[in-house]
C-alpha atoms as a PDB file:
ATOM      1  CA  UNK A   1      91.009 111.577 136.085  1.00  0.00           C
ATOM      2  CA  UNK A   2      94.171 113.063 137.147  1.00  0.00           C
ATOM      3  CA  UNK A   3      96.757 115.310 134.970  1.00  0.00           C
ATOM      4  CA  UNK A   4      98.930 112.501 134.331  1.00  0.00           C
ATOM      5  CA  UNK A   5      96.094 110.153 132.504  1.00  0.00           C
ATOM      6  CA  UNK A   6      94.937 113.517 130.240  1.00  0.00           C
ATOM      7  CA  UNK A   7      94.802 112.194 126.852  1.00  0.00           C
ATOM      8  CA  UNK A   8      98.343 113.306 124.471  1.00  0.00           C
ATOM      9  CA  UNK A   9      97.795 115.996 122.447  1.00  0.00           C
ATOM     10  CA  UNK A  10      98.763 116.003 118.413  1.00  0.00           C
ATOM     11  CA  UNK A  11      98.543 114.115 115.854  1.00  0.00           C
ATOM     12  CA  UNK A  12      98.519 109.345 117.267  1.00  0.00           C
ATOM     13  CA  UNK A  13     101.382 107.947 116.460  1.00  0.00           C
ATOM     14  CA  UNK A  14     101.667 105.543 113.257  1.00  0.00           C
ATOM     15  CA  UNK A  15     102.112 102.571 114.001  1.00  0.00           C
ATOM     16  CA  UNK A  16     104.236 101.659 110.474  1.00  0.00           C
ATOM     17  CA  UNK A  17     106.749 104.737 110.012  1.00  0.00           C
ATOM     18  CA  UNK A  18     107.158 105.951 106.823  1.00  0.00           C
ATOM     19  CA  UNK A  19     110.658 107.175 105.541  1.00  0.00           C
ATOM     20  CA  UNK A  20     111.182 110.425 103.602  1.00  0.00           C
ATOM     21  CA  UNK A  21     113.519 110.409 100.081  1.00  0.00           C
ATOM     22  CA  UNK A  22     113.553 113.880  98.403  1.00  0.00           C
ATOM     23  CA  UNK A  23     114.931 112.610  94.599  1.00  0.00           C
ATOM     24  CA  UNK A  24     114.821 114.565  91.681  1.00  0.00           C
ATOM     25  CA  UNK A  25     113.415 113.138  88.184  1.00  0.00           C
ATOM     26  CA  UNK A  26     113.571 114.802  84.720  1.00  0.00           C
ATOM     27  CA  UNK A  27     110.579 117.410  83.535  1.00  0.00           C
ATOM     28  CA  UNK A  28     109.218 114.292  81.287  1.00  0.00           C
ATOM     29  CA  UNK A  29     109.239 111.647  84.311  1.00  0.00           C
ATOM     30  CA  UNK A  30     107.231 113.617  86.084  1.00  0.00           C
ATOM     31  CA  UNK A  31     105.080 114.672  83.590  1.00  0.00           C
ATOM     32  CA  UNK A  32     104.481 110.213  82.489  1.00  0.00           C
ATOM     33  CA  UNK A  33     103.625 109.915  86.774  1.00  0.00           C
ATOM     34  CA  UNK A  34     101.030 112.843  86.530  1.00  0.00           C
ATOM     35  CA  UNK A  35      99.757 111.071  83.684  1.00  0.00           C
ATOM     36  CA  UNK A  36      99.438 107.866  85.768  1.00  0.00           C
ATOM     37  CA  UNK A  37      97.806 109.519  88.781  1.00  0.00           C
ATOM     38  CA  UNK A  38      95.234 110.797  86.156  1.00  0.00           C
ATOM     39  CA  UNK A  39      94.334 107.691  84.560  1.00  0.00           C
ATOM     40  CA  UNK A  40      94.378 105.915  88.646  1.00  0.00           C
ATOM     41  CA  UNK A  41      92.182 109.344  89.608  1.00  0.00           C
ATOM     42  CA  UNK A  42      89.689 108.629  86.933  1.00  0.00           C
ATOM     43  CA  UNK A  43      89.664 104.151  87.498  1.00  0.00           C
ATOM     44  CA  UNK A  44      89.367 105.579  91.466  1.00  0.00           C
ATOM     45  CA  UNK A  45      86.745 108.096  91.712  1.00  0.00           C
ATOM     46  CA  UNK A  46      85.892 108.042  94.997  1.00  0.00           C
ATOM     47  CA  UNK A  47      89.701 108.834  96.043  1.00  0.00           C
ATOM     48  CA  UNK A  48      92.104 111.390  95.935  1.00  0.00           C
ATOM     49  CA  UNK A  49      95.274 109.817  94.558  1.00  0.00           C
ATOM     50  CA  UNK A  50      98.673 112.832  94.423  1.00  0.00           C
ATOM     51  CA  UNK A  51     102.046 112.112  92.862  1.00  0.00           C
ATOM     52  CA  UNK A  52     103.545 111.136  95.879  1.00  0.00           C
ATOM     53  CA  UNK A  53     100.215 107.765  96.158  1.00  0.00           C
ATOM     54  CA  UNK A  54     101.353 106.985  92.067  1.00  0.00           C
ATOM     55  CA  UNK A  55     104.770 107.296  93.050  1.00  0.00           C
ATOM     56  CA  UNK A  56     104.567 104.756  95.777  1.00  0.00           C
ATOM     57  CA  UNK A  57     102.730 102.753  93.410  1.00  0.00           C
ATOM     58  CA  UNK A  58     104.657 102.415  90.735  1.00  0.00           C
ATOM     59  CA  UNK A  59     107.516 101.782  92.945  1.00  0.00           C
ATOM     60  CA  UNK A  60     105.401  98.575  94.699  1.00  0.00           C
ATOM     61  CA  UNK A  61     104.348  97.017  91.011  1.00  0.00           C
ATOM     62  CA  UNK A  62     107.949  97.680  89.976  1.00  0.00           C
ATOM     63  CA  UNK A  63     109.631  96.178  92.546  1.00  0.00           C
ATOM     64  CA  UNK A  64     106.339  92.859  92.343  1.00  0.00           C
ATOM     65  CA  UNK A  65     107.772  92.250  88.921  1.00  0.00           C
ATOM     66  CA  UNK A  66     111.865  92.720  89.893  1.00  0.00           C
ATOM     67  CA  UNK A  67     111.499  90.381  92.299  1.00  0.00           C
ATOM     68  CA  UNK A  68     109.399  87.854  90.086  1.00  0.00           C
ATOM     69  CA  UNK A  69     112.170  88.321  87.595  1.00  0.00           C
ATOM     70  CA  UNK A  70     114.769  87.173  90.099  1.00  0.00           C
ATOM     71  CA  UNK A  71     113.365  84.328  91.117  1.00  0.00           C
ATOM     72  CA  UNK A  72     112.640  82.807  87.906  1.00  0.00           C
ATOM     73  CA  UNK A  73     116.785  84.053  87.269  1.00  0.00           C
ATOM     74  CA  UNK A  74     117.638  82.214  90.349  1.00  0.00           C
ATOM     75  CA  UNK A  75     119.268  85.565  91.560  1.00  0.00           C
ATOM     76  CA  UNK A  76     117.579  87.244  94.860  1.00  0.00           C
END
């Protein structure tokens, strides 16, 4: 094995890069998100559900519902 063949150091690259998004939310909405994350944690005790996981899930579900609504209305 030569020096050029040695494995790279550090974290391996992900196939699907994730972008970062910073936003401000009212404290009441953050509380609702945390409650949702806690409910998910109870349903899935083997997983560690973070606030970010809960937000990603809520966005994905919300977008799916809205896309279906737009299809029914004939827009999008």
